[in-house]
């Protein structure tokens, strides 16, 4: 028989794996933008008719939010920010591939879809107890 404590530990371990995977993979995109700039994103934002400076919010979505998720500090908010970031990325860059498959039969946007779904999972599940704020915070 599995105890409630064991189930809780497994759930919290799963949340940690989910958070760490999402955060690290998105953070790598953010580090690239920190090193090389966000000109590509600001240009796309300007083409969409918005002020180019709005494109700098990519640093929030790809640096700050992943750090929040990774460490479990307002992880739900971080997950929501990453999800919004992914929706914007899909709309700005990948709309043409939305209904297409790649050469091996997978969805052309499977990586973006996985990032979006994982970010939403973090938003709805929270960080779990293996985090800075633990289970006691509403936004964690």
C-alpha atoms as a PDB file:
ATOM      1  CA  UNK A   1       0.000   0.000   0.000  1.00  0.00           C
ATOM      2  CA  UNK A   2       1.323   3.461  -0.964  1.00  0.00           C
ATOM      3  CA  UNK A   3       1.073   6.077   1.752  1.00  0.00           C
ATOM      4  CA  UNK A   4      -0.118   9.645   1.339  1.00  0.00           C
ATOM      5  CA  UNK A   5       3.396  10.895   2.134  1.00  0.00           C
ATOM      6  CA  UNK A   6       4.866   8.796  -0.683  1.00  0.00           C
ATOM      7  CA  UNK A   7       2.236  10.092  -3.116  1.00  0.00           C
ATOM      8  CA  UNK A   8       2.976  13.646  -2.027  1.00  0.00           C
ATOM      9  CA  UNK A   9       6.735  13.162  -2.440  1.00  0.00           C
ATOM     10  CA  UNK A  10       6.221  11.690  -5.907  1.00  0.00           C
ATOM     11  CA  UNK A  11       3.942  14.577  -6.930  1.00  0.00           C
ATOM     12  CA  UNK A  12       6.399  17.154  -5.605  1.00  0.00           C
ATOM     13  CA  UNK A  13       9.302  15.409  -7.340  1.00  0.00           C
ATOM     14  CA  UNK A  14       7.332  15.406 -10.590  1.00  0.00           C
ATOM     15  CA  UNK A  15       6.634  19.122 -10.223  1.00  0.00           C
ATOM     16  CA  UNK A  16      10.333  19.764  -9.627  1.00  0.00           C
ATOM     17  CA  UNK A  17      11.296  17.837 -12.780  1.00  0.00           C
ATOM     18  CA  UNK A  18       8.625  19.674 -14.797  1.00  0.00           C
ATOM     19  CA  UNK A  19       9.734  23.078 -13.468  1.00  0.00           C
ATOM     20  CA  UNK A  20      13.447  22.457 -13.936  1.00  0.00           C
ATOM     21  CA  UNK A  21      13.057  21.135 -17.475  1.00  0.00           C
ATOM     22  CA  UNK A  22      10.885  24.027 -18.616  1.00  0.00           C
ATOM     23  CA  UNK A  23      12.970  26.663 -16.862  1.00  0.00           C
ATOM     24  CA  UNK A  24      16.353  25.473 -18.089  1.00  0.00           C
ATOM     25  CA  UNK A  25      15.250  25.015 -21.704  1.00  0.00           C
ATOM     26  CA  UNK A  26      13.567  28.438 -21.880  1.00  0.00           C
ATOM     27  CA  UNK A  27      16.425  30.083 -19.977  1.00  0.00           C
ATOM     28  CA  UNK A  28      18.865  28.931 -22.662  1.00  0.00           C
ATOM     29  CA  UNK A  29      16.879  31.002 -25.171  1.00  0.00           C
ATOM     30  CA  UNK A  30      17.052  33.942 -22.768  1.00  0.00           C
ATOM     31  CA  UNK A  31      20.808  33.605 -22.299  1.00  0.00           C
ATOM     32  CA  UNK A  32      21.202  33.663 -26.067  1.00  0.00           C
ATOM     33  CA  UNK A  33      19.232  36.905 -26.202  1.00  0.00           C
ATOM     34  CA  UNK A  34      21.287  38.383 -23.357  1.00  0.00           C
ATOM     35  CA  UNK A  35      24.476  37.589 -25.271  1.00  0.00           C
ATOM     36  CA  UNK A  36      23.290  38.498 -28.782  1.00  0.00           C
ATOM     37  CA  UNK A  37      20.484  40.977 -28.195  1.00  0.00           C
ATOM     38  CA  UNK A  38      16.780  40.812 -28.924  1.00  0.00           C
ATOM     39  CA  UNK A  39      16.847  42.675 -32.241  1.00  0.00           C
ATOM     40  CA  UNK A  40      15.046  39.832 -34.022  1.00  0.00           C
ATOM     41  CA  UNK A  41      12.160  40.006 -31.531  1.00  0.00           C
ATOM     42  CA  UNK A  42      11.971  43.804 -31.396  1.00  0.00           C
ATOM     43  CA  UNK A  43      11.918  43.844 -35.210  1.00  0.00           C
ATOM     44  CA  UNK A  44       9.011  41.395 -35.318  1.00  0.00           C
ATOM     45  CA  UNK A  45       7.145  43.420 -32.713  1.00  0.00           C
ATOM     46  CA  UNK A  46       7.653  46.589 -34.777  1.00  0.00           C
ATOM     47  CA  UNK A  47       6.426  44.781 -37.917  1.00  0.00           C
ATOM     48  CA  UNK A  48       3.296  43.827 -35.975  1.00  0.00           C
ATOM     49  CA  UNK A  49       2.616  47.541 -35.391  1.00  0.00           C
ATOM     50  CA  UNK A  50       3.639  47.722 -31.754  1.00  0.00           C
ATOM     51  CA  UNK A  51       6.468  49.824 -30.313  1.00  0.00           C
ATOM     52  CA  UNK A  52       9.734  47.922 -30.792  1.00  0.00           C
ATOM     53  CA  UNK A  53      10.548  48.428 -27.099  1.00  0.00           C
ATOM     54  CA  UNK A  54       7.737  45.981 -26.257  1.00  0.00           C
ATOM     55  CA  UNK A  55      10.000  43.297 -27.714  1.00  0.00           C
ATOM     56  CA  UNK A  56      12.328  43.740 -24.757  1.00  0.00           C
ATOM     57  CA  UNK A  57       9.693  41.986 -22.653  1.00  0.00           C
ATOM     58  CA  UNK A  58      11.209  38.814 -24.109  1.00  0.00           C
ATOM     59  CA  UNK A  59      13.795  39.139 -21.327  1.00  0.00           C
ATOM     60  CA  UNK A  60      11.001  38.841 -18.767  1.00  0.00           C
ATOM     61  CA  UNK A  61       9.595  35.771 -20.527  1.00  0.00           C
ATOM     62  CA  UNK A  62      12.913  34.051 -21.206  1.00  0.00           C
ATOM     63  CA  UNK A  63      15.111  35.101 -18.266  1.00  0.00           C
ATOM     64  CA  UNK A  64      13.124  36.313 -15.257  1.00  0.00           C
ATOM     65  CA  UNK A  65      10.147  33.950 -15.547  1.00  0.00           C
ATOM     66  CA  UNK A  66      12.289  30.806 -15.976  1.00  0.00           C
ATOM     67  CA  UNK A  67      14.292  31.770 -12.889  1.00  0.00           C
ATOM     68  CA  UNK A  68      11.056  32.174 -10.907  1.00  0.00           C
ATOM     69  CA  UNK A  69       9.892  28.765 -12.113  1.00  0.00           C
ATOM     70  CA  UNK A  70      13.235  27.064 -11.508  1.00  0.00           C
ATOM     71  CA  UNK A  71      13.594  28.251  -7.934  1.00  0.00           C
ATOM     72  CA  UNK A  72       9.906  28.048  -7.067  1.00  0.00           C
ATOM     73  CA  UNK A  73       9.449  31.691  -6.254  1.00  0.00           C
ATOM     74  CA  UNK A  74       6.040  32.786  -7.583  1.00  0.00           C
ATOM     75  CA  UNK A  75       6.280  29.798  -9.931  1.00  0.00           C
ATOM     76  CA  UNK A  76       2.640  30.056 -11.071  1.00  0.00           C
ATOM     77  CA  UNK A  77       3.222  33.637 -12.210  1.00  0.00           C
ATOM     78  CA  UNK A  78       6.447  32.567 -13.931  1.00  0.00           C
ATOM     79  CA  UNK A  79       4.604  29.743 -15.692  1.00  0.00           C
ATOM     80  CA  UNK A  80       1.898  32.127 -16.874  1.00  0.00           C
ATOM     81  CA  UNK A  81       4.489  34.597 -18.185  1.00  0.00           C
ATOM     82  CA  UNK A  82       6.259  31.803 -20.095  1.00  0.00           C
ATOM     83  CA  UNK A  83       2.917  30.653 -21.539  1.00  0.00           C
ATOM     84  CA  UNK A  84       2.140  34.193 -22.728  1.00  0.00           C
ATOM     85  CA  UNK A  85       5.662  34.457 -24.157  1.00  0.00           C
ATOM     86  CA  UNK A  86       5.090  31.236 -26.114  1.00  0.00           C
ATOM     87  CA  UNK A  87       1.728  32.401 -27.481  1.00  0.00           C
ATOM     88  CA  UNK A  88       3.370  35.624 -28.679  1.00  0.00           C
ATOM     89  CA  UNK A  89       6.246  33.651 -30.240  1.00  0.00           C
ATOM     90  CA  UNK A  90       3.815  31.354 -32.031  1.00  0.00           C
ATOM     91  CA  UNK A  91       1.769  34.294 -33.323  1.00  0.00           C
ATOM     92  CA  UNK A  92       4.797  36.333 -34.445  1.00  0.00           C
ATOM     93  CA  UNK A  93       7.027  33.634 -35.897  1.00  0.00           C
ATOM     94  CA  UNK A  94       5.258  30.318 -36.296  1.00  0.00           C
ATOM     95  CA  UNK A  95       1.686  30.997 -37.411  1.00  0.00           C
ATOM     96  CA  UNK A  96       2.382  29.583 -40.871  1.00  0.00           C
ATOM     97  CA  UNK A  97       3.407  26.245 -39.352  1.00  0.00           C
ATOM     98  CA  UNK A  98       0.445  25.956 -36.991  1.00  0.00           C
ATOM     99  CA  UNK A  99      -1.352  23.259 -39.008  1.00  0.00           C
ATOM    100  CA  UNK A 100       1.673  21.572 -40.575  1.00  0.00           C
ATOM    101  CA  UNK A 101       3.637  18.420 -39.891  1.00  0.00           C
ATOM    102  CA  UNK A 102       7.414  18.133 -40.116  1.00  0.00           C
ATOM    103  CA  UNK A 103       9.319  15.665 -42.317  1.00  0.00           C
ATOM    104  CA  UNK A 104       9.094  12.882 -39.723  1.00  0.00           C
ATOM    105  CA  UNK A 105       5.347  13.234 -39.169  1.00  0.00           C
ATOM    106  CA  UNK A 106       5.463  15.272 -35.977  1.00  0.00           C
ATOM    107  CA  UNK A 107       3.731  18.596 -35.502  1.00  0.00           C
ATOM    108  CA  UNK A 108       5.891  21.389 -36.905  1.00  0.00           C
ATOM    109  CA  UNK A 109       5.443  23.320 -33.643  1.00  0.00           C
ATOM    110  CA  UNK A 110       5.876  20.442 -31.223  1.00  0.00           C
ATOM    111  CA  UNK A 111       8.654  22.186 -29.274  1.00  0.00           C
ATOM    112  CA  UNK A 112       6.681  25.405 -28.939  1.00  0.00           C
ATOM    113  CA  UNK A 113       3.559  23.399 -28.081  1.00  0.00           C
ATOM    114  CA  UNK A 114       5.440  21.455 -25.418  1.00  0.00           C
ATOM    115  CA  UNK A 115       6.830  24.663 -23.891  1.00  0.00           C
ATOM    116  CA  UNK A 116       3.340  26.193 -23.852  1.00  0.00           C
ATOM    117  CA  UNK A 117       1.674  23.107 -22.341  1.00  0.00           C
ATOM    118  CA  UNK A 118       4.418  22.685 -19.736  1.00  0.00           C
ATOM    119  CA  UNK A 119       4.196  26.345 -18.734  1.00  0.00           C
ATOM    120  CA  UNK A 120       0.433  25.989 -18.315  1.00  0.00           C
ATOM    121  CA  UNK A 121       0.969  22.835 -16.241  1.00  0.00           C
ATOM    122  CA  UNK A 122       3.303  24.766 -13.915  1.00  0.00           C
ATOM    123  CA  UNK A 123       0.717  27.532 -13.689  1.00  0.00           C
ATOM    124  CA  UNK A 124      -2.053  25.112 -12.689  1.00  0.00           C
ATOM    125  CA  UNK A 125      -0.003  22.690 -10.547  1.00  0.00           C
ATOM    126  CA  UNK A 126       2.235  25.150  -8.736  1.00  0.00           C
ATOM    127  CA  UNK A 127       5.809  24.510  -7.671  1.00  0.00           C
ATOM    128  CA  UNK A 128       5.316  21.924  -4.965  1.00  0.00           C
ATOM    129  CA  UNK A 129       7.225  21.749  -1.728  1.00  0.00           C
ATOM    130  CA  UNK A 130      10.674  21.382  -3.340  1.00  0.00           C
ATOM    131  CA  UNK A 131      10.841  25.119  -3.953  1.00  0.00           C
ATOM    132  CA  UNK A 132      11.823  28.328  -2.195  1.00  0.00           C
ATOM    133  CA  UNK A 133       8.256  29.151  -1.204  1.00  0.00           C
ATOM    134  CA  UNK A 134       7.029  25.575  -0.759  1.00  0.00           C
ATOM    135  CA  UNK A 135       3.322  24.798  -0.883  1.00  0.00           C
ATOM    136  CA  UNK A 136       2.212  27.632   1.380  1.00  0.00           C
ATOM    137  CA  UNK A 137       2.077  30.456  -1.142  1.00  0.00           C
ATOM    138  CA  UNK A 138      -0.944  31.015  -3.390  1.00  0.00           C
ATOM    139  CA  UNK A 139       1.230  32.072  -6.339  1.00  0.00           C
ATOM    140  CA  UNK A 140       3.657  29.221  -5.921  1.00  0.00           C
END
